[in-house]
Protein backbone atom coordinates (compact mmCIF):
# COMPACT_ATOMS: atom_id res chain seq x y z
CA UNK A 1 40.28 -89.79 146.81
CA UNK A 2 42.15 -88.27 149.85
CA UNK A 3 44.68 -85.73 149.29
CA UNK A 4 48.28 -86.15 150.66
CA UNK A 5 49.15 -84.71 154.17
CA UNK A 6 49.66 -80.96 154.07
CA UNK A 7 53.14 -79.85 155.25
CA UNK A 8 52.14 -76.31 155.33
CA UNK A 9 49.00 -74.74 156.93
CA UNK A 10 45.75 -75.20 154.99
CA UNK A 11 44.96 -71.49 155.76
CA UNK A 12 46.57 -68.30 154.41
CA UNK A 13 48.07 -65.55 156.59
CA UNK A 14 44.97 -63.52 156.93
CA UNK A 15 42.89 -66.47 158.03
CA UNK A 16 45.76 -67.48 160.33
CA UNK A 17 46.01 -64.00 161.98
CA UNK A 18 42.38 -63.95 162.97
CA UNK A 19 42.48 -67.60 164.23
CA UNK A 20 45.49 -66.53 166.31
CA UNK A 21 43.63 -63.52 167.66
CA UNK A 22 40.71 -65.65 168.91
CA UNK A 23 42.84 -68.51 170.00
CA UNK A 24 41.73 -71.04 167.89
CA UNK A 25 44.80 -71.70 165.54
CA UNK A 26 45.78 -75.11 166.71
CA UNK A 27 42.18 -76.52 166.56
CA UNK A 28 41.68 -74.86 163.06
CA UNK A 29 44.88 -76.27 161.82
CA UNK A 30 43.52 -79.82 162.57
CA UNK A 31 40.03 -78.98 161.37
CA UNK A 32 41.37 -77.39 158.18
CA UNK A 33 43.53 -80.47 157.15
CA UNK A 34 40.42 -82.58 157.53
CA UNK A 35 37.70 -80.66 155.69
CA UNK A 36 39.58 -78.57 152.97
CA UNK A 37 39.86 -80.74 149.90
CA UNK A 38 41.16 -80.08 146.46
CA UNK A 39 38.26 -82.14 145.12
CA UNK A 40 34.50 -82.56 145.38
CA UNK A 41 33.46 -85.56 147.50
CA UNK A 42 30.49 -87.84 146.15
CA UNK A 43 28.10 -86.08 148.53
CA UNK A 44 28.84 -82.75 146.96
CA UNK A 45 28.86 -84.04 143.54
CA UNK A 46 25.40 -85.29 143.99
CA UNK A 47 24.46 -82.05 145.65
CA UNK A 48 24.95 -79.58 142.79
CA UNK A 49 22.56 -81.04 140.24
CA UNK A 50 19.74 -80.65 142.72
CA UNK A 51 20.14 -76.75 143.06
CA UNK A 52 18.15 -74.02 140.98
CA UNK A 53 20.72 -71.45 141.83
CA UNK A 54 24.27 -70.79 142.44
CA UNK A 55 26.45 -67.89 144.03
CA UNK A 56 29.30 -66.87 142.18
CA UNK A 57 32.17 -64.17 142.89
CA UNK A 58 34.68 -62.98 140.14
CA UNK A 59 37.13 -60.39 140.01
CA UNK A 60 37.01 -57.89 137.08
CA UNK A 61 40.13 -56.52 135.13
CA UNK A 62 40.45 -53.48 137.52
CA UNK A 63 40.51 -55.97 140.48
CA UNK A 64 36.98 -55.24 141.69
CA UNK A 65 35.18 -58.27 143.00
CA UNK A 66 31.48 -58.81 142.13
CA UNK A 67 29.47 -61.46 143.74
CA UNK A 68 26.28 -62.62 141.80
CA UNK A 69 23.43 -65.10 141.90
CA UNK A 70 22.61 -67.16 138.67
CA UNK A 71 19.89 -69.66 138.09
CA UNK A 72 18.82 -72.51 135.88
CA UNK A 73 16.66 -75.49 136.13
CA UNK A 74 18.13 -78.27 138.29
CA UNK A 75 20.82 -80.14 136.39
CA UNK A 76 22.48 -76.94 135.09
CA UNK A 77 25.08 -77.57 137.56
CA UNK A 78 26.96 -81.08 137.64
CA UNK A 79 30.33 -82.55 138.43
CA UNK A 80 31.55 -84.91 135.56
CA UNK A 81 34.25 -85.93 137.90
CA UNK A 82 35.80 -84.94 141.45
CA UNK A 83 37.89 -82.02 140.16
CA UNK A 84 35.36 -80.27 137.98
CA UNK A 85 32.14 -78.51 138.36
CA UNK A 86 30.38 -77.75 134.96
CA UNK A 87 27.95 -74.77 134.99
CA UNK A 88 25.71 -74.50 131.91
CA UNK A 89 25.35 -70.72 132.05
CA UNK A 90 25.50 -68.38 129.08
CA UNK A 91 27.56 -64.98 129.40
CA UNK A 92 25.54 -62.06 130.67
CA UNK A 93 26.82 -58.67 129.87
CA UNK A 94 24.31 -57.13 132.19
CA UNK A 95 25.87 -59.00 135.07
CA UNK A 96 29.18 -57.11 136.26
CA UNK A 97 30.53 -60.30 137.58
CA UNK A 98 30.54 -61.61 134.06
CA UNK A 99 33.62 -59.58 133.22
CA UNK A 100 35.59 -61.78 135.65
CA UNK A 101 34.59 -65.21 134.20
CA UNK A 102 36.93 -65.32 131.42
CA UNK A 103 38.95 -68.41 130.63
CA UNK A 104 41.69 -69.02 133.24
CA UNK A 105 40.19 -66.55 135.77
CA UNK A 106 40.02 -67.37 139.43
CA UNK A 107 36.42 -67.79 140.78
CA UNK A 108 34.59 -68.53 144.07
CA UNK A 109 31.28 -70.38 144.30
CA UNK A 110 28.71 -71.31 146.84
CA UNK A 111 26.18 -74.02 146.14
CA UNK A 112 23.54 -73.25 148.56
CA UNK A 113 20.06 -74.97 148.91
CA UNK A 114 17.72 -72.43 150.79
CA UNK A 115 15.04 -75.37 150.92
CA UNK A 116 17.43 -77.58 153.25
CA UNK A 117 20.27 -75.17 154.35
CA UNK A 118 22.76 -77.55 152.75
CA UNK A 119 25.90 -75.53 151.27
CA UNK A 120 29.33 -76.12 149.90
CA UNK A 121 31.94 -73.58 149.02
CA UNK A 122 34.47 -74.11 146.60
CA UNK A 123 37.12 -71.92 144.62
CA UNK A 124 39.03 -72.82 141.35
CA UNK A 125 39.89 -71.72 137.85
CA UNK A 126 37.45 -70.94 135.01
CA UNK A 127 37.73 -73.02 131.78
CA UNK A 128 35.10 -71.86 129.20
CA UNK A 129 33.39 -74.19 126.95
CA UNK A 130 30.45 -74.02 124.60
CA UNK A 131 27.74 -74.28 126.86
CA UNK A 132 29.25 -72.26 129.66
CA UNK A 133 32.34 -73.15 131.82
CA UNK A 134 33.97 -75.52 134.00
CA UNK A 135 35.44 -74.57 137.27
CA UNK A 136 38.68 -76.75 138.08
CA UNK A 137 38.41 -77.25 141.64
CA UNK A 138 41.40 -76.04 143.88
CA UNK A 139 39.48 -76.03 147.38
CA UNK A 140 36.23 -77.45 148.37
CA UNK A 141 34.50 -77.53 151.77
CA UNK A 142 31.25 -77.88 153.38
CA UNK A 143 29.65 -75.10 155.78
CA UNK A 144 27.32 -75.36 158.83
CA UNK A 145 23.75 -74.33 158.11
CA UNK A 146 23.62 -71.55 160.73
CA UNK A 147 21.57 -68.21 160.02
CA UNK A 148 20.33 -69.62 156.64
CA UNK A 149 16.33 -68.85 156.38
CA UNK A 150 14.35 -71.68 154.81
CA UNK A 151 12.69 -70.57 151.53
CA UNK A 152 10.82 -72.36 148.73
CA UNK A 153 11.78 -71.57 145.29
CA UNK A 154 9.66 -71.20 141.93
CA UNK A 155 10.50 -70.05 138.56
CA UNK A 156 8.82 -66.95 137.55
CA UNK A 157 10.19 -66.97 133.97
CA UNK A 158 12.66 -69.09 131.78
CA UNK A 159 16.04 -68.85 133.26
CA UNK A 160 17.47 -69.04 129.78
CA UNK A 161 16.05 -65.61 128.97
CA UNK A 162 17.73 -62.53 130.10
CA UNK A 163 15.80 -59.93 132.12
CA UNK A 164 14.18 -57.14 130.12
CA UNK A 165 15.01 -54.62 132.74
CA UNK A 166 18.02 -52.41 132.21
CA UNK A 167 20.70 -52.38 134.87
CA UNK A 168 20.79 -49.04 137.22
CA UNK A 169 24.32 -48.07 137.91
CA UNK A 170 25.43 -45.54 140.65
CA UNK A 171 28.33 -44.62 142.74
CA UNK A 172 26.48 -45.18 146.14
CA UNK A 173 23.18 -46.36 147.70
CA UNK A 174 20.14 -44.64 146.48
CA UNK A 175 16.94 -44.80 148.53
CA UNK A 176 15.58 -47.97 146.60
CA UNK A 177 19.10 -49.55 147.51
CA UNK A 178 19.00 -48.38 151.05
CA UNK A 179 15.52 -50.07 151.45
CA UNK A 180 16.40 -53.25 150.03
CA UNK A 181 19.52 -53.45 152.40
CA UNK A 182 17.64 -52.31 155.45
CA UNK A 183 14.98 -54.98 154.88
CA UNK A 184 17.29 -57.84 154.07
CA UNK A 185 17.88 -61.00 156.23
CA UNK A 186 20.35 -62.49 153.82
CA UNK A 187 23.26 -61.25 151.62
CA UNK A 188 26.30 -62.87 150.13
CA UNK A 189 29.88 -61.42 150.21
CA UNK A 190 32.79 -62.05 147.80
CA UNK A 191 36.42 -61.50 148.78
CA UNK A 192 39.81 -62.55 147.47
CA UNK A 193 43.46 -62.86 148.34
CA UNK A 194 46.57 -63.28 146.12
CA UNK A 195 48.80 -65.92 147.86
CA UNK A 196 52.14 -66.86 146.14
CA UNK A 197 51.16 -65.90 142.89
CA UNK A 198 47.77 -67.69 143.05
CA UNK A 199 44.44 -65.69 143.51
CA UNK A 200 42.07 -67.44 145.96
CA UNK A 201 38.45 -66.07 145.62
CA UNK A 202 35.69 -66.81 148.29
CA UNK A 203 31.97 -66.15 148.33
CA UNK A 204 29.93 -66.70 151.46
CA UNK A 205 26.58 -66.36 152.98
CA UNK A 206 25.42 -63.89 155.74
CA UNK A 207 22.14 -64.11 157.44
CA UNK A 208 20.44 -62.66 160.41
CA UNK A 209 17.19 -60.87 161.55
CA UNK A 210 15.68 -58.47 159.12
CA UNK A 211 17.65 -55.30 158.97
CA UNK A 212 20.73 -56.81 160.60
CA UNK A 213 22.98 -54.85 158.10
CA UNK A 214 23.07 -51.06 159.35
CA UNK A 215 23.36 -48.45 156.48
CA UNK A 216 25.21 -45.33 158.07
CA UNK A 217 24.51 -41.81 156.94
CA UNK A 218 27.98 -41.82 155.42
CA UNK A 219 27.00 -44.74 153.19
CA UNK A 220 29.07 -47.36 154.89
CA UNK A 221 27.52 -50.65 155.90
CA UNK A 222 28.09 -52.13 159.28
CA UNK A 223 27.75 -55.76 159.55
CA UNK A 224 27.80 -57.94 162.66
CA UNK A 225 29.69 -61.18 162.65
CA UNK A 226 28.01 -63.91 164.54
CA UNK A 227 29.38 -67.08 165.82
CA UNK A 228 30.37 -69.44 163.10
CA UNK A 229 32.85 -72.09 161.99
CA UNK A 230 35.84 -69.75 162.79
CA UNK A 231 37.55 -70.42 159.41
CA UNK A 232 37.63 -66.79 158.86
CA UNK A 233 37.70 -67.01 155.11
CA UNK A 234 35.90 -63.80 154.45
CA UNK A 235 37.39 -61.75 157.34
CA UNK A 236 40.78 -63.18 156.59
CA UNK A 237 40.58 -62.13 153.04
CA UNK A 238 39.74 -58.60 154.19
CA UNK A 239 42.64 -58.62 156.53
CA UNK A 240 45.11 -58.97 153.60
CA UNK A 241 42.96 -57.25 150.77
CA UNK A 242 40.30 -54.75 151.69
CA UNK A 243 38.46 -55.23 148.20
CA UNK A 244 35.04 -56.93 148.64
CA UNK A 245 31.69 -57.03 146.90
CA UNK A 246 28.13 -57.73 148.16
CA UNK A 247 24.97 -58.95 146.51
CA UNK A 248 21.53 -58.47 148.08
CA UNK A 249 18.57 -60.26 146.76
CA UNK A 250 14.87 -59.31 146.86
CA UNK A 251 13.55 -62.83 146.98
CA UNK A 252 10.00 -61.52 146.04
CA UNK A 253 10.90 -59.83 142.92
CA UNK A 254 14.12 -61.28 141.75
CA UNK A 255 16.06 -57.92 141.97
CA UNK A 256 19.80 -58.26 142.56
CA UNK A 257 21.54 -55.38 144.31
CA UNK A 258 25.24 -55.86 143.32
CA UNK A 259 28.06 -53.56 144.88
CA UNK A 260 31.92 -53.62 144.97
CA UNK A 261 34.01 -51.46 147.19
CA UNK A 262 36.30 -51.94 150.18
CA UNK A 263 35.91 -53.41 153.55
CA UNK A 264 37.57 -53.10 156.99
CA UNK A 265 37.46 -54.96 160.18
CA UNK A 266 36.49 -52.85 163.15
CA UNK A 267 38.38 -53.21 166.48
CA UNK A 268 37.12 -55.76 169.00
CA UNK A 269 36.59 -53.10 171.65
CA UNK A 270 34.41 -50.77 169.37
CA UNK A 271 31.90 -49.31 171.90
CA UNK A 272 29.39 -47.47 169.46
CA UNK A 273 28.06 -50.83 167.97
CA UNK A 274 26.31 -53.43 169.61
CA UNK A 275 23.99 -56.38 168.26
CA UNK A 276 23.29 -59.25 170.47
CA UNK A 277 25.05 -62.33 169.30
CA UNK A 278 27.76 -60.53 167.37
CA UNK A 279 31.47 -61.32 168.19
CA UNK A 280 32.97 -58.83 166.08
CA UNK A 281 32.02 -56.21 163.27
CA UNK A 282 33.20 -55.13 160.04
CA UNK A 283 32.23 -52.33 157.62
CA UNK A 284 31.88 -51.89 153.96
CA UNK A 285 31.91 -48.77 151.51
CA UNK A 286 30.31 -49.30 148.21
CA UNK A 287 32.04 -47.48 145.45
CA UNK A 288 29.97 -48.82 142.54
CA UNK A 289 26.45 -50.13 142.79
CA UNK A 290 24.33 -52.11 140.09
CA UNK A 291 20.64 -52.67 140.59
CA UNK A 292 19.20 -55.37 138.25
CA UNK A 293 15.45 -55.81 138.52
CA UNK A 294 14.18 -59.29 137.64
CA UNK A 295 17.77 -60.42 137.19
CA UNK A 296 17.05 -63.70 139.16
CA UNK A 297 14.21 -65.55 137.41
CA UNK A 298 13.52 -67.26 140.74
CA UNK A 299 11.11 -66.24 143.58
CA UNK A 300 11.40 -67.56 147.00
CA UNK A 301 8.65 -67.71 149.71
CA UNK A 302 10.06 -67.51 153.42
CA UNK A 303 8.99 -70.83 155.13
CA UNK A 304 10.92 -70.73 158.36
CA UNK A 305 13.45 -68.50 159.99
CA UNK A 306 16.62 -69.85 161.20
CA UNK A 307 16.53 -70.29 164.98
CA UNK A 308 20.24 -68.99 165.08
CA UNK A 309 19.13 -65.83 163.31
CA UNK A 310 16.09 -65.30 165.65
CA UNK A 311 18.47 -65.65 168.73
CA UNK A 312 20.54 -62.62 167.57
CA UNK A 313 19.63 -59.11 168.21
CA UNK A 314 19.11 -55.95 166.19
CA UNK A 315 20.55 -52.44 166.09
CA UNK A 316 17.65 -51.35 168.24
CA UNK A 317 19.21 -53.03 171.19
């Protein structure tokens, strides 16, 4: 089920700008035409039903992007055909991302298996149904396994039941939030771009050594961008639209720390930041933060560090 040849670039202008800056535009044009699809290949259709969790990014009515992590017993995700992914997920008003999951909304999704480092990213359109919603696929592609720590999951409670803890909302990072970010080796970032009247939402994984995200005294987060596939989906979106959202997970307690705000790319010659392995840096300023204890019914035990993450440095030098 191959798509017809693309006459225009498979990348939008923000992605192209970064590919040009780093001299990979020609190569990425060829790669993009080969790996970006408007459907799920059989391998990915078989992959999603194995997963106990999924990462989603949605945009609320004010244009704020919120990433979230949702869970269910394996089988809560399935692809009835190559152009649809069905998510059996009830509405969750405690989750700020839920406001962007109405019928017809653009959405980004990352299927990631922390047991194996396999992952698939897709974006599309929400079509609500009685048990949850379908995502009608507009773009789907696989990702390399770099910087993913291996973790073994277990359910701590019934995923169909909401957390009993009430969300804690703030305009910035309190001490609890700062500690979670400073101790994290993984987070997920949501971004989007409006292209020719069509919204394209993306959510992606970021990983490194523990504490690879620096929290400044001014509340800005500085994030190193390590060597990757050079698609520049996230940074390309930021280049044309500064709105972004991050979600950090405490894998031992199920706490989700969700934040939405604005991001910016730092100049390549920025001299006051340095982490071994980083090719560039970007910053994020949270404008609204929501901490939800026990929001994720899963608990994960770290079983193996990514060798690529261990090959990077930290902010200590």
